[in-house]
Amino acid sequence: MARAKKTESERDLEGYPDKRATRHEHEVPIPIRCPKTFSPKMRKVWKRLAPHFIAMKKLTILNLDAFTELCYLIVAIQDIREFIDENNQSRIQEKNWIDSSGQEHLDLKESAYSKMYRDYSKQLLSYLKSFGLTPDKMAGVYKPEEKKDPMEGLID
């Protein structure tokens, strides 16, 4: 039968015989307020996401800059999407031209807004991965809050 593992407090008291230093954790402050430099749209993103990031212990003062960039990217992607929809911009641009022999040609290329949208989306995905918020990183870790029926328990 195997010997029972020592608890962390027992190891701290006795030391580590294999000469590893004991782990000491440091408390890191959690940002409570939205930074003053945020635009109104970024404040909305902050108010929507920050409470959940704080509850999951993913947001501290140390990664506040990365979270700020995440908020900026979300707003930028929303703005690009709105611009494309409002101005009826196509994601593919057509260019008709006639060569020297008089033959007509059609070139298709990605629009600048579509490329910008794709680049920002790629960058956003990398930030979400660094916070562990992509489906491959979240498997079984976070579960949605269950809705409670207000009528449940009335009749017993």
Protein backbone atom coordinates (compact mmCIF):
# COMPACT_ATOMS: atom_id res chain seq x y z
CA MET A 1 0.00 0.00 0.00
CA ALA A 2 1.34 3.43 -0.95
CA ARG A 3 2.18 6.06 1.62
CA ALA A 4 -0.31 8.95 1.90
CA LYS A 5 0.74 12.22 0.27
CA LYS A 6 1.69 15.09 2.53
CA THR A 7 -0.43 18.18 2.51
CA GLU A 8 0.99 21.50 1.33
CA SER A 9 1.17 22.81 4.91
CA GLU A 10 3.13 19.72 6.04
CA ARG A 11 5.60 20.18 3.19
CA ASP A 12 6.06 23.85 4.07
CA LEU A 13 6.77 22.94 7.69
CA GLU A 14 9.22 20.11 6.93
CA GLY A 15 10.78 21.62 3.83
CA TYR A 16 11.43 19.87 0.57
CA PRO A 17 13.96 17.06 0.82
CA ASP A 18 14.57 17.17 -2.93
CA LYS A 19 15.85 20.77 -2.49
CA ARG A 20 13.12 22.51 -4.39
CA ALA A 21 12.17 25.86 -3.01
CA THR A 22 8.75 26.16 -1.44
CA ARG A 23 6.11 27.92 -3.47
CA HIS A 24 5.00 31.26 -2.17
CA GLU A 25 2.00 32.82 -3.82
CA HIS A 26 1.60 36.55 -4.06
CA GLU A 27 -1.72 38.28 -4.08
CA VAL A 28 -2.24 40.35 -7.19
CA PRO A 29 -4.80 43.17 -7.13
CA ILE A 30 -7.88 42.81 -9.29
CA PRO A 31 -8.96 45.85 -11.32
CA ILE A 32 -12.37 47.00 -10.16
CA ARG A 33 -13.02 50.00 -12.39
CA CYS A 34 -12.90 50.48 -16.11
CA PRO A 35 -9.86 52.56 -17.20
CA LYS A 36 -10.67 56.22 -17.84
CA THR A 37 -9.07 56.12 -21.30
CA PHE A 38 -11.76 53.78 -22.65
CA SER A 39 -14.23 54.99 -25.25
CA PRO A 40 -17.97 54.49 -24.54
CA LYS A 41 -18.04 51.37 -26.74
CA MET A 42 -15.04 49.89 -24.92
CA ARG A 43 -16.74 50.63 -21.59
CA LYS A 44 -19.73 48.55 -22.72
CA VAL A 45 -17.43 45.65 -23.60
CA TRP A 46 -15.67 46.05 -20.23
CA LYS A 47 -18.97 46.01 -18.32
CA ARG A 48 -20.09 42.92 -20.25
CA LEU A 49 -16.87 40.88 -19.91
CA ALA A 50 -14.86 42.06 -16.90
CA PRO A 51 -17.15 40.64 -14.15
CA HIS A 52 -16.93 37.19 -15.73
CA PHE A 53 -13.15 37.41 -16.22
CA ILE A 54 -12.75 38.47 -12.59
CA ALA A 55 -15.01 35.65 -11.35
CA MET A 56 -12.94 33.13 -13.36
CA LYS A 57 -9.74 34.70 -11.92
CA LYS A 58 -8.53 35.53 -15.42
CA LEU A 59 -8.25 39.31 -14.96
CA THR A 60 -5.65 40.95 -12.70
CA ILE A 61 -3.54 44.09 -12.81
CA LEU A 62 -0.77 42.06 -14.48
CA ASN A 63 -2.81 41.20 -17.58
CA LEU A 64 -4.90 44.38 -17.68
CA ASP A 65 -3.06 45.61 -20.80
CA ALA A 66 -3.89 42.39 -22.66
CA PHE A 67 -7.54 42.67 -21.57
CA THR A 68 -7.58 46.31 -22.72
CA GLU A 69 -6.29 45.19 -26.13
CA LEU A 70 -8.95 42.48 -26.18
CA CYS A 71 -11.67 45.10 -25.57
CA TYR A 72 -10.19 47.31 -28.31
CA LEU A 73 -10.16 44.44 -30.82
CA ILE A 74 -13.78 43.54 -30.08
CA VAL A 75 -14.86 47.15 -30.66
CA ALA A 76 -12.75 47.45 -33.83
CA ILE A 77 -14.27 44.28 -35.27
CA GLN A 78 -17.78 45.52 -34.46
CA ASP A 79 -17.04 48.89 -36.13
CA ILE A 80 -15.68 47.25 -39.29
CA ARG A 81 -18.68 44.92 -39.49
CA GLU A 82 -21.09 47.86 -39.03
CA PHE A 83 -19.27 49.89 -41.71
CA ILE A 84 -19.42 47.03 -44.19
CA ASP A 85 -23.14 46.49 -43.51
CA GLU A 86 -24.11 50.20 -43.56
CA ASN A 87 -22.21 51.07 -46.73
CA ASN A 88 -23.19 47.91 -48.52
CA GLN A 89 -19.53 47.11 -49.11
CA SER A 90 -18.75 43.76 -50.65
CA ARG A 91 -16.05 41.58 -49.18
CA ILE A 92 -14.88 40.86 -52.71
CA GLN A 93 -14.07 43.61 -55.16
CA GLU A 94 -14.38 43.20 -58.91
CA LYS A 95 -12.22 45.01 -61.39
CA ASN A 96 -13.03 44.92 -65.10
CA TRP A 97 -10.29 45.91 -67.48
CA ILE A 98 -9.53 45.62 -71.17
CA ASP A 99 -6.09 44.58 -72.32
CA SER A 100 -4.28 45.89 -75.41
CA SER A 101 -5.88 43.25 -77.66
CA GLY A 102 -9.36 44.45 -76.69
CA GLN A 103 -10.23 41.41 -74.57
CA GLU A 104 -12.17 42.09 -71.37
CA HIS A 105 -10.86 40.65 -68.08
CA LEU A 106 -12.37 40.36 -64.63
CA ASP A 107 -10.14 40.37 -61.55
CA LEU A 108 -11.50 39.50 -58.12
CA LYS A 109 -9.70 40.52 -54.96
CA GLU A 110 -10.47 40.78 -51.29
CA SER A 111 -11.62 44.22 -50.15
CA ALA A 112 -9.47 46.21 -47.75
CA TYR A 113 -12.22 46.12 -45.10
CA SER A 114 -12.55 42.37 -45.39
CA LYS A 115 -8.77 41.94 -45.00
CA MET A 116 -8.76 44.25 -41.97
CA TYR A 117 -11.69 42.32 -40.46
CA ARG A 118 -9.87 39.02 -41.01
CA ASP A 119 -6.61 40.33 -39.50
CA TYR A 120 -8.38 41.70 -36.41
CA SER A 121 -10.33 38.46 -36.01
CA LYS A 122 -7.11 36.46 -36.11
CA GLN A 123 -5.54 38.73 -33.51
CA LEU A 124 -8.67 38.51 -31.33
CA LEU A 125 -8.54 34.72 -31.46
CA SER A 126 -4.94 34.75 -30.25
CA TYR A 127 -5.92 36.98 -27.30
CA LEU A 128 -8.86 34.74 -26.46
CA LYS A 129 -6.49 31.73 -26.53
CA SER A 130 -4.10 33.49 -24.16
CA PHE A 131 -6.97 34.02 -21.71
CA GLY A 132 -8.04 30.37 -22.18
CA LEU A 133 -11.41 31.29 -23.66
CA THR A 134 -11.49 29.21 -26.82
CA PRO A 135 -13.57 26.00 -26.94
CA ASP A 136 -10.47 23.78 -26.96
CA LYS A 137 -9.18 25.44 -23.75
CA MET A 138 -12.56 25.67 -21.98
CA ALA A 139 -13.69 22.06 -22.27
CA GLY A 140 -15.39 21.17 -19.00
CA VAL A 141 -13.96 24.13 -17.11
CA TYR A 142 -16.73 26.69 -17.31
CA LYS A 143 -20.37 25.86 -17.37
CA PRO A 144 -23.20 28.27 -18.08
CA GLU A 145 -25.27 29.46 -15.18
CA GLU A 146 -28.44 27.44 -14.87
CA LYS A 147 -31.67 29.39 -15.12
CA LYS A 148 -33.79 29.04 -12.03
CA ASP A 149 -37.53 28.74 -12.40
CA PRO A 150 -39.26 31.20 -10.03
CA MET A 151 -42.17 28.79 -9.67
CA GLU A 152 -39.99 25.87 -8.60
CA GLY A 153 -40.52 24.85 -4.98
CA LEU A 154 -43.89 26.57 -4.55
CA ILE A 155 -45.79 23.32 -4.31
CA ASP A 156 -44.30 20.81 -1.90
